[in-house]
Amino acid sequence: MGIYINDERKLFSLTTENTEYAFCIDNEGLVRHLYWGDKINSPEDFDIPMLTEVSTNDPVYEITKEEYPVYGGLRYKENCLKVSFEDKTRDIVYKYIGHCINENELVINLKDAHYNIEIDLHYIVLEDVDLIERYTVVKNNEEEDLAIENIASGQVHIPHENLTFRNTHGYWGAEQQMFTQKVNYGKIYFENRKGISGHNHNPYFILDKDATETTGEVYFGALKLTGNFKGVVEQTPYGETLVQMGINDFDFSKYIFP
């Protein structure tokens, strides 16, 4: 089975035939991304350095590569979940409460420190096809309604800068026109607002580091969604590139009832 867990260190590693994906629960209680790349032989050797703020402009919540950053606290980066509680509070303070495994699926259980809502991060390891599938379930156990303003499947972190982004564009009758774009500082948004995946952009990303047809590093992911979607690619000031994909928050509001 391609799931390795070190309970003492709260370290999780997912392996497919050729790749490895690792994250942990760090000293701040955040679900911190550690690694995505070629398979390694000793996941127990992953270093988990203690993070401290660089300055008052770079708090630890800003510099941590979170698997599922939420809106709240000293976070100014892209977030995967933004909600509004009945009392108009908008911050989420998640805490790790445990995990479970069901065959080839790992579930990380998070819970808000103040409100009775749960966030379950699901990771399905598809070893034979070299893929990892991710999705998130938000549960409202409050007596009042919970309004979701923004929600994404997750965020991935690539340890490179100056990558090349590839996707397609087009109009009716001229779909699937490939384009490339250099990733630099700033953000690249690709989305659809027409209720379907569409021909203007498609819900996937391909990022490469000077790759050719036969050599180089290539990272890719696709969103299993047929409706409105939004993707973000950002080269951060901290030596990495992040990608986030989820439901488009354009004209979007979702209520979860108790």
C-alpha atoms as a PDB file:
ATOM      1  CA  MET A   1       0.000   0.000   0.000  1.00  0.00           C
ATOM      2  CA  GLY A   2       1.369   3.448  -0.953  1.00  0.00           C
ATOM      3  CA  ILE A   3       0.616   5.192   2.363  1.00  0.00           C
ATOM      4  CA  TYR A   4       3.333   5.650   4.999  1.00  0.00           C
ATOM      5  CA  ILE A   5       2.563   7.245   8.384  1.00  0.00           C
ATOM      6  CA  ASN A   6       4.863   8.155  11.240  1.00  0.00           C
ATOM      7  CA  ASP A   7       2.441   8.833  14.082  1.00  0.00           C
ATOM      8  CA  GLU A   8       5.077  10.187  16.433  1.00  0.00           C
ATOM      9  CA  ARG A   9       6.205  12.858  13.991  1.00  0.00           C
ATOM     10  CA  LYS A  10       2.747  13.268  12.391  1.00  0.00           C
ATOM     11  CA  LEU A  11       4.351  12.636   9.020  1.00  0.00           C
ATOM     12  CA  PHE A  12       2.425  11.306   6.004  1.00  0.00           C
ATOM     13  CA  SER A  13       3.912  10.070   2.726  1.00  0.00           C
ATOM     14  CA  LEU A  14       2.012   8.863  -0.341  1.00  0.00           C
ATOM     15  CA  THR A  15       3.820   6.868  -3.022  1.00  0.00           C
ATOM     16  CA  THR A  16       2.855   5.748  -6.499  1.00  0.00           C
ATOM     17  CA  GLU A  17       4.945   3.750  -8.945  1.00  0.00           C
ATOM     18  CA  ASN A  18       7.360   6.618  -9.606  1.00  0.00           C
ATOM     19  CA  THR A  19       6.415   9.564  -7.403  1.00  0.00           C
ATOM     20  CA  GLU A  20       6.156  10.595  -3.770  1.00  0.00           C
ATOM     21  CA  TYR A  21       4.027  13.201  -2.022  1.00  0.00           C
ATOM     22  CA  ALA A  22       4.618  14.102   1.633  1.00  0.00           C
ATOM     23  CA  PHE A  23       3.183  16.434   4.262  1.00  0.00           C
ATOM     24  CA  CYS A  24       3.049  16.717   8.039  1.00  0.00           C
ATOM     25  CA  ILE A  25       1.372  18.392  10.985  1.00  0.00           C
ATOM     26  CA  ASP A  26       3.965  20.945  12.040  1.00  0.00           C
ATOM     27  CA  ASN A  27       4.826  22.738  15.281  1.00  0.00           C
ATOM     28  CA  GLU A  28       2.071  25.311  14.655  1.00  0.00           C
ATOM     29  CA  GLY A  29      -0.516  22.590  14.060  1.00  0.00           C
ATOM     30  CA  LEU A  30      -0.681  23.427  10.348  1.00  0.00           C
ATOM     31  CA  VAL A  31      -0.935  20.797   7.619  1.00  0.00           C
ATOM     32  CA  ARG A  32       2.404  21.593   5.980  1.00  0.00           C
ATOM     33  CA  HIS A  33       3.439  20.377   2.548  1.00  0.00           C
ATOM     34  CA  LEU A  34       6.927  18.818   2.471  1.00  0.00           C
ATOM     35  CA  TYR A  35       7.635  17.203  -0.880  1.00  0.00           C
ATOM     36  CA  TRP A  36       6.296  16.315  -4.326  1.00  0.00           C
ATOM     37  CA  GLY A  37       8.638  14.625  -6.781  1.00  0.00           C
ATOM     38  CA  ASP A  38      10.493  11.435  -7.592  1.00  0.00           C
ATOM     39  CA  LYS A  39      10.045   8.484  -5.260  1.00  0.00           C
ATOM     40  CA  ILE A  40      12.575   8.337  -2.433  1.00  0.00           C
ATOM     41  CA  ASN A  41      13.662   5.351  -0.378  1.00  0.00           C
ATOM     42  CA  SER A  42      13.410   6.673   3.179  1.00  0.00           C
ATOM     43  CA  PRO A  43      10.356   8.855   3.928  1.00  0.00           C
ATOM     44  CA  GLU A  44      11.259   8.745   7.636  1.00  0.00           C
ATOM     45  CA  ASP A  45      14.272  10.944   6.785  1.00  0.00           C
ATOM     46  CA  PHE A  46      12.137  13.948   5.868  1.00  0.00           C
ATOM     47  CA  ASP A  47      13.262  17.007   7.779  1.00  0.00           C
ATOM     48  CA  ILE A  48      10.519  19.081   9.410  1.00  0.00           C
ATOM     49  CA  PRO A  49      12.221  22.340  10.427  1.00  0.00           C
ATOM     50  CA  MET A  50      10.438  24.537  12.928  1.00  0.00           C
ATOM     51  CA  LEU A  51       9.157  27.630  11.141  1.00  0.00           C
ATOM     52  CA  THR A  52       9.263  31.072  12.711  1.00  0.00           C
ATOM     53  CA  GLU A  53       8.182  34.369  11.209  1.00  0.00           C
ATOM     54  CA  VAL A  54      10.743  36.108   9.038  1.00  0.00           C
ATOM     55  CA  SER A  55       9.404  39.523  10.028  1.00  0.00           C
ATOM     56  CA  THR A  56       6.123  41.117  11.004  1.00  0.00           C
ATOM     57  CA  ASN A  57       5.426  41.275   7.253  1.00  0.00           C
ATOM     58  CA  ASP A  58       6.146  37.552   6.839  1.00  0.00           C
ATOM     59  CA  PRO A  59       4.251  35.735   9.631  1.00  0.00           C
ATOM     60  CA  VAL A  60       4.523  31.965   9.911  1.00  0.00           C
ATOM     61  CA  TYR A  61       0.988  31.517   8.565  1.00  0.00           C
ATOM     62  CA  GLU A  62       2.053  33.325   5.417  1.00  0.00           C
ATOM     63  CA  ILE A  63       5.287  31.425   4.747  1.00  0.00           C
ATOM     64  CA  THR A  64       4.049  27.915   5.593  1.00  0.00           C
ATOM     65  CA  LYS A  65       3.274  25.793   2.517  1.00  0.00           C
ATOM     66  CA  GLU A  66      -0.125  24.594   3.706  1.00  0.00           C
ATOM     67  CA  GLU A  67      -1.962  21.699   2.097  1.00  0.00           C
ATOM     68  CA  TYR A  68      -5.285  23.432   2.706  1.00  0.00           C
ATOM     69  CA  PRO A  69      -4.904  27.076   3.761  1.00  0.00           C
ATOM     70  CA  VAL A  70      -8.068  28.684   5.081  1.00  0.00           C
ATOM     71  CA  TYR A  71      -9.168  32.291   5.398  1.00  0.00           C
ATOM     72  CA  GLY A  72      -8.234  33.721   8.768  1.00  0.00           C
ATOM     73  CA  GLY A  73      -5.436  34.910  10.990  1.00  0.00           C
ATOM     74  CA  LEU A  74      -2.319  36.434   9.473  1.00  0.00           C
ATOM     75  CA  ARG A  75      -2.865  34.861   6.066  1.00  0.00           C
ATOM     76  CA  TYR A  76      -2.804  37.062   2.986  1.00  0.00           C
ATOM     77  CA  LYS A  77      -2.132  34.268   0.490  1.00  0.00           C
ATOM     78  CA  GLU A  78      -4.586  32.330  -1.620  1.00  0.00           C
ATOM     79  CA  ASN A  79      -6.959  30.306   0.555  1.00  0.00           C
ATOM     80  CA  CYS A  80      -8.901  27.113  -0.142  1.00  0.00           C
ATOM     81  CA  LEU A  81     -11.849  27.811   2.150  1.00  0.00           C
ATOM     82  CA  LYS A  82     -13.575  31.029   3.146  1.00  0.00           C
ATOM     83  CA  VAL A  83     -16.830  30.923   5.113  1.00  0.00           C
ATOM     84  CA  SER A  84     -19.194  33.200   6.972  1.00  0.00           C
ATOM     85  CA  PHE A  85     -20.719  31.979  10.232  1.00  0.00           C
ATOM     86  CA  GLU A  86     -24.142  33.019  11.460  1.00  0.00           C
ATOM     87  CA  ASP A  87     -22.592  35.576  13.833  1.00  0.00           C
ATOM     88  CA  LYS A  88     -20.634  37.079  10.872  1.00  0.00           C
ATOM     89  CA  THR A  89     -17.291  35.626  11.968  1.00  0.00           C
ATOM     90  CA  ARG A  90     -15.213  34.719   8.914  1.00  0.00           C
ATOM     91  CA  ASP A  91     -11.983  33.340  10.379  1.00  0.00           C
ATOM     92  CA  ILE A  92     -11.324  29.604  10.562  1.00  0.00           C
ATOM     93  CA  VAL A  93      -8.810  28.216  13.074  1.00  0.00           C
ATOM     94  CA  TYR A  94      -8.388  24.558  12.178  1.00  0.00           C
ATOM     95  CA  LYS A  95      -6.894  21.933  14.483  1.00  0.00           C
ATOM     96  CA  TYR A  96      -5.708  18.450  13.533  1.00  0.00           C
ATOM     97  CA  ILE A  97      -7.825  15.859  15.361  1.00  0.00           C
ATOM     98  CA  GLY A  98      -6.716  12.624  13.692  1.00  0.00           C
ATOM     99  CA  HIS A  99      -6.579  10.551  10.547  1.00  0.00           C
ATOM    100  CA  CYS A 100      -7.851   7.268   9.147  1.00  0.00           C
ATOM    101  CA  ILE A 101      -7.063   4.930   6.256  1.00  0.00           C
ATOM    102  CA  ASN A 102      -9.580   3.077   4.106  1.00  0.00           C
ATOM    103  CA  GLU A 103      -7.708   0.791   1.699  1.00  0.00           C
ATOM    104  CA  ASN A 104      -5.827   3.221  -0.591  1.00  0.00           C
ATOM    105  CA  GLU A 105      -7.402   6.388   0.837  1.00  0.00           C
ATOM    106  CA  LEU A 106      -5.975   8.588   3.602  1.00  0.00           C
ATOM    107  CA  VAL A 107      -8.256  11.070   5.367  1.00  0.00           C
ATOM    108  CA  ILE A 108      -6.885  13.918   7.495  1.00  0.00           C
ATOM    109  CA  ASN A 109      -9.496  15.145   9.999  1.00  0.00           C
ATOM    110  CA  LEU A 110      -9.473  18.837  10.947  1.00  0.00           C
ATOM    111  CA  LYS A 111     -11.871  20.752  13.194  1.00  0.00           C
ATOM    112  CA  ASP A 112     -12.341  24.429  13.904  1.00  0.00           C
ATOM    113  CA  ALA A 113     -11.149  25.447  17.364  1.00  0.00           C
ATOM    114  CA  HIS A 114     -14.229  27.535  18.112  1.00  0.00           C
ATOM    115  CA  TYR A 115     -17.061  26.398  15.833  1.00  0.00           C
ATOM    116  CA  ASN A 116     -18.377  22.909  15.279  1.00  0.00           C
ATOM    117  CA  ILE A 117     -17.338  22.451  11.683  1.00  0.00           C
ATOM    118  CA  GLU A 118     -15.062  19.746  10.312  1.00  0.00           C
ATOM    119  CA  ILE A 119     -12.767  19.696   7.290  1.00  0.00           C
ATOM    120  CA  ASP A 120     -11.722  16.285   5.958  1.00  0.00           C
ATOM    121  CA  LEU A 121      -8.826  16.176   3.494  1.00  0.00           C
ATOM    122  CA  HIS A 122      -9.023  13.044   1.325  1.00  0.00           C
ATOM    123  CA  TYR A 123      -6.019  11.587  -0.538  1.00  0.00           C
ATOM    124  CA  ILE A 124      -6.522   8.560  -2.805  1.00  0.00           C
ATOM    125  CA  VAL A 125      -3.339   6.821  -3.973  1.00  0.00           C
ATOM    126  CA  LEU A 126      -3.625   5.291  -7.461  1.00  0.00           C
ATOM    127  CA  GLU A 127      -0.275   3.526  -7.553  1.00  0.00           C
ATOM    128  CA  ASP A 128      -0.616   1.737 -10.880  1.00  0.00           C
ATOM    129  CA  VAL A 129      -1.330   4.907 -12.870  1.00  0.00           C
ATOM    130  CA  ASP A 130       1.048   7.199 -10.952  1.00  0.00           C
ATOM    131  CA  LEU A 131      -1.704   9.506  -9.732  1.00  0.00           C
ATOM    132  CA  ILE A 132      -2.924  10.935  -6.429  1.00  0.00           C
ATOM    133  CA  GLU A 133      -6.505  12.125  -6.215  1.00  0.00           C
ATOM    134  CA  ARG A 134      -7.496  14.807  -3.685  1.00  0.00           C
ATOM    135  CA  TYR A 135     -10.819  16.163  -2.531  1.00  0.00           C
ATOM    136  CA  THR A 136     -12.177  17.895   0.567  1.00  0.00           C
ATOM    137  CA  VAL A 137     -15.379  17.461   2.572  1.00  0.00           C
ATOM    138  CA  VAL A 138     -16.675  20.289   4.803  1.00  0.00           C
ATOM    139  CA  LYS A 139     -19.208  19.327   7.477  1.00  0.00           C
ATOM    140  CA  ASN A 140     -21.372  21.832   9.328  1.00  0.00           C
ATOM    141  CA  ASN A 141     -22.301  20.525  12.792  1.00  0.00           C
ATOM    142  CA  GLU A 142     -23.494  23.918  14.030  1.00  0.00           C
ATOM    143  CA  GLU A 143     -27.158  24.631  14.689  1.00  0.00           C
ATOM    144  CA  GLU A 144     -27.025  27.595  12.292  1.00  0.00           C
ATOM    145  CA  ASP A 145     -26.377  27.736   8.562  1.00  0.00           C
ATOM    146  CA  LEU A 146     -22.843  28.105   7.255  1.00  0.00           C
ATOM    147  CA  ALA A 147     -22.234  30.229   4.157  1.00  0.00           C
ATOM    148  CA  ILE A 148     -19.300  29.211   1.954  1.00  0.00           C
ATOM    149  CA  GLU A 149     -17.842  32.094  -0.032  1.00  0.00           C
ATOM    150  CA  ASN A 150     -14.927  30.223  -1.602  1.00  0.00           C
ATOM    151  CA  ILE A 151     -13.903  26.570  -1.713  1.00  0.00           C
ATOM    152  CA  ALA A 152     -11.136  24.698  -3.531  1.00  0.00           C
ATOM    153  CA  SER A 153     -10.082  21.059  -3.701  1.00  0.00           C
ATOM    154  CA  GLY A 154      -6.615  21.863  -2.441  1.00  0.00           C
ATOM    155  CA  GLN A 155      -3.343  23.599  -3.049  1.00  0.00           C
ATOM    156  CA  VAL A 156      -0.133  22.088  -4.418  1.00  0.00           C
ATOM    157  CA  HIS A 157       3.404  23.407  -4.030  1.00  0.00           C
ATOM    158  CA  ILE A 158       6.202  23.059  -6.572  1.00  0.00           C
ATOM    159  CA  PRO A 159       9.769  23.758  -5.385  1.00  0.00           C
ATOM    160  CA  HIS A 160      10.786  25.817  -8.431  1.00  0.00           C
ATOM    161  CA  GLU A 161      10.561  29.329  -9.807  1.00  0.00           C
ATOM    162  CA  ASN A 162      10.373  30.575 -13.416  1.00  0.00           C
ATOM    163  CA  LEU A 163       8.265  27.657 -14.603  1.00  0.00           C
ATOM    164  CA  THR A 164       6.356  27.449 -17.889  1.00  0.00           C
ATOM    165  CA  PHE A 165       2.573  27.163 -17.642  1.00  0.00           C
ATOM    166  CA  ARG A 166       0.581  25.382 -20.364  1.00  0.00           C
ATOM    167  CA  ASN A 167      -3.155  25.272 -21.004  1.00  0.00           C
ATOM    168  CA  THR A 168      -5.564  25.748 -23.902  1.00  0.00           C
ATOM    169  CA  HIS A 169      -7.843  28.530 -25.050  1.00  0.00           C
ATOM    170  CA  GLY A 170     -10.204  29.157 -27.927  1.00  0.00           C
ATOM    171  CA  TYR A 171     -13.702  29.972 -29.065  1.00  0.00           C
ATOM    172  CA  TRP A 172     -16.510  27.878 -30.528  1.00  0.00           C
ATOM    173  CA  GLY A 173     -15.150  25.914 -33.454  1.00  0.00           C
ATOM    174  CA  ALA A 174     -11.549  26.729 -32.573  1.00  0.00           C
ATOM    175  CA  GLU A 175     -11.102  25.014 -29.249  1.00  0.00           C
ATOM    176  CA  GLN A 176      -8.009  23.472 -27.690  1.00  0.00           C
ATOM    177  CA  GLN A 177      -5.504  26.053 -28.923  1.00  0.00           C
ATOM    178  CA  MET A 178      -2.460  25.413 -26.745  1.00  0.00           C
ATOM    179  CA  PHE A 179      -0.652  28.361 -25.216  1.00  0.00           C
ATOM    180  CA  THR A 180       2.397  28.693 -22.978  1.00  0.00           C
ATOM    181  CA  GLN A 181       3.084  31.407 -20.453  1.00  0.00           C
ATOM    182  CA  LYS A 182       6.124  32.072 -18.319  1.00  0.00           C
ATOM    183  CA  VAL A 183       5.373  32.146 -14.598  1.00  0.00           C
ATOM    184  CA  ASN A 184       6.917  35.093 -12.822  1.00  0.00           C
ATOM    185  CA  TYR A 185       5.877  37.256  -9.908  1.00  0.00           C
ATOM    186  CA  GLY A 186       2.190  38.003  -9.930  1.00  0.00           C
ATOM    187  CA  LYS A 187      -0.649  35.532 -10.468  1.00  0.00           C
ATOM    188  CA  ILE A 188      -2.054  33.664 -13.443  1.00  0.00           C
ATOM    189  CA  TYR A 189      -5.801  33.012 -13.287  1.00  0.00           C
ATOM    190  CA  PHE A 190      -7.533  30.545 -15.611  1.00  0.00           C
ATOM    191  CA  GLU A 191     -11.243  29.976 -15.246  1.00  0.00           C
ATOM    192  CA  ASN A 192     -14.655  29.457 -16.741  1.00  0.00           C
ATOM    193  CA  ARG A 193     -17.870  31.269 -15.779  1.00  0.00           C
ATOM    194  CA  LYS A 194     -20.325  29.700 -18.231  1.00  0.00           C
ATOM    195  CA  GLY A 195     -21.457  26.738 -16.132  1.00  0.00           C
ATOM    196  CA  ILE A 196     -19.345  24.144 -17.966  1.00  0.00           C
ATOM    197  CA  SER A 197     -15.658  23.362 -18.232  1.00  0.00           C
ATOM    198  CA  GLY A 198     -15.712  25.163 -21.564  1.00  0.00           C
ATOM    199  CA  HIS A 199     -13.423  25.859 -24.471  1.00  0.00           C
ATOM    200  CA  ASN A 200     -11.997  29.157 -23.218  1.00  0.00           C
ATOM    201  CA  HIS A 201      -9.806  27.474 -20.622  1.00  0.00           C
ATOM    202  CA  ASN A 202      -9.661  23.943 -19.275  1.00  0.00           C
ATOM    203  CA  PRO A 203      -9.482  22.809 -15.619  1.00  0.00           C
ATOM    204  CA  TYR A 204      -5.940  21.502 -15.605  1.00  0.00           C
ATOM    205  CA  PHE A 205      -2.398  22.773 -15.300  1.00  0.00           C
ATOM    206  CA  ILE A 206       0.919  21.688 -16.779  1.00  0.00           C
ATOM    207  CA  LEU A 207       4.046  23.289 -15.338  1.00  0.00           C
ATOM    208  CA  ASP A 208       7.564  22.431 -16.401  1.00  0.00           C
ATOM    209  CA  LYS A 209      11.122  23.384 -15.569  1.00  0.00           C
ATOM    210  CA  ASP A 210      12.921  23.694 -18.930  1.00  0.00           C
ATOM    211  CA  ALA A 211      11.414  20.407 -20.101  1.00  0.00           C
ATOM    212  CA  THR A 212      11.801  18.915 -23.567  1.00  0.00           C
ATOM    213  CA  GLU A 213      10.017  15.969 -25.154  1.00  0.00           C
ATOM    214  CA  THR A 214      12.351  13.559 -23.337  1.00  0.00           C
ATOM    215  CA  THR A 215      13.910  15.377 -20.367  1.00  0.00           C
ATOM    216  CA  GLY A 216      13.049  17.793 -17.583  1.00  0.00           C
ATOM    217  CA  GLU A 217      10.637  18.060 -14.677  1.00  0.00           C
ATOM    218  CA  VAL A 218       6.909  18.293 -15.397  1.00  0.00           C
ATOM    219  CA  TYR A 219       4.118  18.753 -12.850  1.00  0.00           C
ATOM    220  CA  PHE A 220       0.456  18.459 -13.767  1.00  0.00           C
ATOM    221  CA  GLY A 221      -2.977  18.207 -12.233  1.00  0.00           C
ATOM    222  CA  ALA A 222      -6.603  18.224 -13.371  1.00  0.00           C
ATOM    223  CA  LEU A 223      -9.837  19.192 -11.642  1.00  0.00           C
ATOM    224  CA  LYS A 224     -12.701  16.690 -11.864  1.00  0.00           C
ATOM    225  CA  LEU A 225     -15.411  19.316 -12.310  1.00  0.00           C
ATOM    226  CA  THR A 226     -17.767  20.069 -15.195  1.00  0.00           C
ATOM    227  CA  GLY A 227     -19.050  23.414 -13.901  1.00  0.00           C
ATOM    228  CA  ASN A 228     -17.524  26.813 -13.250  1.00  0.00           C
ATOM    229  CA  PHE A 229     -13.935  26.502 -12.092  1.00  0.00           C
ATOM    230  CA  LYS A 230     -11.031  28.766 -11.208  1.00  0.00           C
ATOM    231  CA  GLY A 231      -7.329  27.982 -11.122  1.00  0.00           C
ATOM    232  CA  VAL A 232      -4.506  30.125  -9.757  1.00  0.00           C
ATOM    233  CA  VAL A 233      -0.786  29.810 -10.432  1.00  0.00           C
ATOM    234  CA  GLU A 234       1.501  31.963  -8.305  1.00  0.00           C
ATOM    235  CA  GLN A 235       5.245  32.255  -7.924  1.00  0.00           C
ATOM    236  CA  THR A 236       5.632  33.223  -4.288  1.00  0.00           C
ATOM    237  CA  PRO A 237       8.418  35.282  -2.673  1.00  0.00           C
ATOM    238  CA  TYR A 238       9.566  32.144  -0.836  1.00  0.00           C
ATOM    239  CA  GLY A 239      11.177  30.195  -3.692  1.00  0.00           C
ATOM    240  CA  GLU A 240       8.230  28.088  -4.838  1.00  0.00           C
ATOM    241  CA  THR A 241       5.220  28.046  -7.142  1.00  0.00           C
ATOM    242  CA  LEU A 242       1.747  27.209  -5.861  1.00  0.00           C
ATOM    243  CA  VAL A 243      -1.304  26.046  -7.766  1.00  0.00           C
ATOM    244  CA  GLN A 244      -4.875  26.030  -6.494  1.00  0.00           C
ATOM    245  CA  MET A 245      -8.017  24.841  -8.270  1.00  0.00           C
ATOM    246  CA  GLY A 246     -11.634  24.710  -7.223  1.00  0.00           C
ATOM    247  CA  ILE A 247     -15.122  26.070  -7.786  1.00  0.00           C
ATOM    248  CA  ASN A 248     -15.210  29.544  -9.281  1.00  0.00           C
ATOM    249  CA  ASP A 249     -16.301  32.115  -6.701  1.00  0.00           C
ATOM    250  CA  PHE A 250     -17.770  34.287  -9.472  1.00  0.00           C
ATOM    251  CA  ASP A 251     -21.430  34.754  -8.539  1.00  0.00           C
ATOM    252  CA  PHE A 252     -21.097  31.871  -6.092  1.00  0.00           C
ATOM    253  CA  SER A 253     -22.641  31.299  -2.674  1.00  0.00           C
ATOM    254  CA  LYS A 254     -23.237  27.966  -0.976  1.00  0.00           C
ATOM    255  CA  TYR A 255     -25.020  27.270   2.267  1.00  0.00           C
ATOM    256  CA  ILE A 256     -24.400  24.161   4.337  1.00  0.00           C
ATOM    257  CA  PHE A 257     -27.315  23.447   6.625  1.00  0.00           C
ATOM    258  CA  PRO A 258     -26.998  21.800  10.033  1.00  0.00           C
END
